[in-house]
N, C-alpha and C. Protein backbone atom coordinates (compact mmCIF):
# COMPACT_ATOMS: atom_id res chain seq x y z
N MET A 1 -41.48 -22.10 5.02
CA MET A 1 -40.63 -21.05 4.46
C MET A 1 -39.50 -21.71 3.68
N PRO A 2 -39.50 -21.56 2.38
CA PRO A 2 -38.53 -22.29 1.55
C PRO A 2 -37.11 -21.76 1.68
N GLN A 3 -36.90 -20.52 2.09
CA GLN A 3 -35.54 -20.00 2.19
C GLN A 3 -34.77 -20.62 3.35
N LEU A 4 -35.44 -21.32 4.26
CA LEU A 4 -34.75 -21.96 5.36
C LEU A 4 -34.29 -23.38 5.03
N ASN A 5 -34.62 -23.86 3.84
CA ASN A 5 -34.22 -25.20 3.43
C ASN A 5 -32.79 -25.12 2.88
N PRO A 6 -31.77 -25.63 3.59
CA PRO A 6 -30.39 -25.48 3.13
C PRO A 6 -29.95 -26.53 2.12
N ALA A 7 -30.80 -27.45 1.76
CA ALA A 7 -30.37 -28.57 0.93
C ALA A 7 -29.80 -28.15 -0.43
N PRO A 8 -30.50 -27.38 -1.27
CA PRO A 8 -29.90 -27.08 -2.57
C PRO A 8 -28.76 -26.07 -2.47
N TRP A 9 -28.86 -25.11 -1.56
CA TRP A 9 -27.87 -24.04 -1.50
C TRP A 9 -26.55 -24.52 -0.89
N PHE A 10 -26.63 -25.44 0.04
CA PHE A 10 -25.40 -25.96 0.61
C PHE A 10 -24.63 -26.78 -0.42
N ALA A 11 -25.32 -27.54 -1.24
CA ALA A 11 -24.65 -28.31 -2.30
C ALA A 11 -24.02 -27.37 -3.33
N ILE A 12 -24.72 -26.30 -3.68
CA ILE A 12 -24.16 -25.32 -4.62
C ILE A 12 -22.92 -24.67 -4.03
N LEU A 13 -22.96 -24.34 -2.75
CA LEU A 13 -21.81 -23.74 -2.09
C LEU A 13 -20.61 -24.69 -2.08
N VAL A 14 -20.84 -25.94 -1.73
CA VAL A 14 -19.75 -26.91 -1.66
C VAL A 14 -19.15 -27.16 -3.04
N PHE A 15 -19.98 -27.34 -4.04
CA PHE A 15 -19.45 -27.60 -5.38
C PHE A 15 -18.73 -26.39 -5.97
N SER A 16 -19.23 -25.20 -5.69
CA SER A 16 -18.53 -24.01 -6.20
C SER A 16 -17.17 -23.86 -5.54
N TRP A 17 -17.05 -24.15 -4.21
CA TRP A 17 -15.75 -24.06 -3.55
C TRP A 17 -14.82 -25.16 -4.03
N LEU A 18 -15.35 -26.33 -4.35
CA LEU A 18 -14.50 -27.38 -4.92
C LEU A 18 -13.94 -26.96 -6.26
N ILE A 19 -14.75 -26.30 -7.06
CA ILE A 19 -14.27 -25.80 -8.35
C ILE A 19 -13.21 -24.73 -8.13
N PHE A 20 -13.49 -23.81 -7.21
CA PHE A 20 -12.52 -22.74 -6.94
C PHE A 20 -11.19 -23.28 -6.45
N LEU A 21 -11.22 -24.32 -5.62
CA LEU A 21 -9.99 -24.82 -5.01
C LEU A 21 -9.26 -25.83 -5.87
N THR A 22 -9.88 -26.40 -6.88
CA THR A 22 -9.21 -27.41 -7.70
C THR A 22 -8.91 -26.94 -9.11
N VAL A 23 -9.71 -26.07 -9.68
CA VAL A 23 -9.52 -25.68 -11.08
C VAL A 23 -8.75 -24.37 -11.21
N ILE A 24 -9.11 -23.39 -10.42
CA ILE A 24 -8.57 -22.05 -10.61
C ILE A 24 -7.11 -21.90 -10.15
N PRO A 25 -6.67 -22.43 -8.98
CA PRO A 25 -5.28 -22.22 -8.58
C PRO A 25 -4.23 -22.75 -9.55
N PRO A 26 -4.38 -23.94 -10.15
CA PRO A 26 -3.37 -24.35 -11.14
C PRO A 26 -3.32 -23.43 -12.36
N LYS A 27 -4.46 -22.91 -12.77
CA LYS A 27 -4.47 -21.99 -13.91
C LYS A 27 -3.74 -20.70 -13.57
N VAL A 28 -3.91 -20.22 -12.35
CA VAL A 28 -3.25 -18.98 -11.94
C VAL A 28 -1.74 -19.21 -11.77
N MET A 29 -1.36 -20.36 -11.19
CA MET A 29 0.05 -20.62 -10.93
C MET A 29 0.84 -20.95 -12.19
N ASN A 30 0.18 -21.25 -13.29
CA ASN A 30 0.89 -21.54 -14.54
C ASN A 30 1.40 -20.29 -15.25
N HIS A 31 0.95 -19.13 -14.82
CA HIS A 31 1.42 -17.90 -15.44
C HIS A 31 2.89 -17.67 -15.06
N SER A 32 3.66 -17.19 -16.01
CA SER A 32 5.07 -16.90 -15.74
C SER A 32 5.27 -15.39 -15.70
N PHE A 33 6.20 -14.99 -14.88
CA PHE A 33 6.51 -13.57 -14.77
C PHE A 33 7.50 -13.17 -15.85
N THR A 34 7.33 -11.99 -16.41
CA THR A 34 8.23 -11.54 -17.46
C THR A 34 9.56 -11.07 -16.90
N ASN A 35 9.57 -10.54 -15.71
CA ASN A 35 10.80 -10.04 -15.10
C ASN A 35 11.29 -11.04 -14.06
N GLU A 36 12.49 -11.53 -14.24
CA GLU A 36 13.07 -12.43 -13.26
C GLU A 36 13.63 -11.62 -12.10
N ILE A 37 13.60 -12.18 -10.94
CA ILE A 37 14.10 -11.50 -9.75
C ILE A 37 15.62 -11.58 -9.76
N THR A 38 16.26 -10.44 -9.62
CA THR A 38 17.72 -10.39 -9.58
C THR A 38 18.16 -10.03 -8.17
N THR A 39 19.26 -10.60 -7.76
CA THR A 39 19.77 -10.30 -6.42
C THR A 39 20.67 -9.07 -6.49
N LEU A 40 20.64 -8.28 -5.45
CA LEU A 40 21.49 -7.10 -5.37
C LEU A 40 22.87 -7.50 -4.86
N ASN A 41 23.82 -6.62 -5.08
CA ASN A 41 25.16 -6.88 -4.56
C ASN A 41 25.14 -6.91 -3.04
N ALA A 42 26.05 -7.67 -2.48
CA ALA A 42 26.09 -7.82 -1.03
C ALA A 42 26.68 -6.59 -0.34
N GLU A 43 27.35 -5.72 -1.07
CA GLU A 43 27.96 -4.55 -0.44
C GLU A 43 26.87 -3.56 -0.01
N LYS A 44 27.11 -2.94 1.13
CA LYS A 44 26.13 -2.01 1.68
C LYS A 44 26.33 -0.64 1.05
N LEU A 45 25.23 -0.06 0.63
CA LEU A 45 25.31 1.27 0.04
C LEU A 45 25.52 2.31 1.13
N LYS A 46 26.31 3.35 0.80
CA LYS A 46 26.59 4.39 1.78
C LYS A 46 25.42 5.35 1.83
N SER A 47 24.90 5.57 3.02
CA SER A 47 23.81 6.51 3.19
C SER A 47 24.27 7.64 4.11
N ASP A 48 24.07 8.84 3.65
CA ASP A 48 24.43 10.00 4.46
C ASP A 48 23.32 10.28 5.46
N THR A 49 23.72 10.64 6.67
CA THR A 49 22.73 10.99 7.68
C THR A 49 22.37 12.46 7.54
N TRP A 50 21.18 12.78 7.93
CA TRP A 50 20.71 14.14 7.88
C TRP A 50 20.95 14.79 9.23
N ASN A 51 21.74 15.83 9.22
CA ASN A 51 22.01 16.57 10.46
C ASN A 51 21.27 17.89 10.44
N TRP A 52 19.98 17.82 10.37
CA TRP A 52 19.17 19.03 10.32
C TRP A 52 18.79 19.45 11.72
N PRO A 53 18.82 20.74 11.97
CA PRO A 53 18.32 21.22 13.27
C PRO A 53 16.78 21.19 13.29
N TRP A 54 16.24 20.46 14.23
CA TRP A 54 14.77 20.31 14.27
C TRP A 54 14.13 21.22 15.31
N HIS A 55 14.85 22.20 15.77
CA HIS A 55 14.25 23.10 16.77
C HIS A 55 14.32 24.53 16.30
């Protein structure tokens, strides 16, 4: 039964994962974001509590 022979398929699996782990991540990480992250002010915003009757 030829489908039980793991020799060619295991090599294909290993080489494809090597390509995925060495070539693709640097290409993805080289992209730059258009919006820079800005920090919010340290002051706490005032939030009103809801005093609704729930019964």
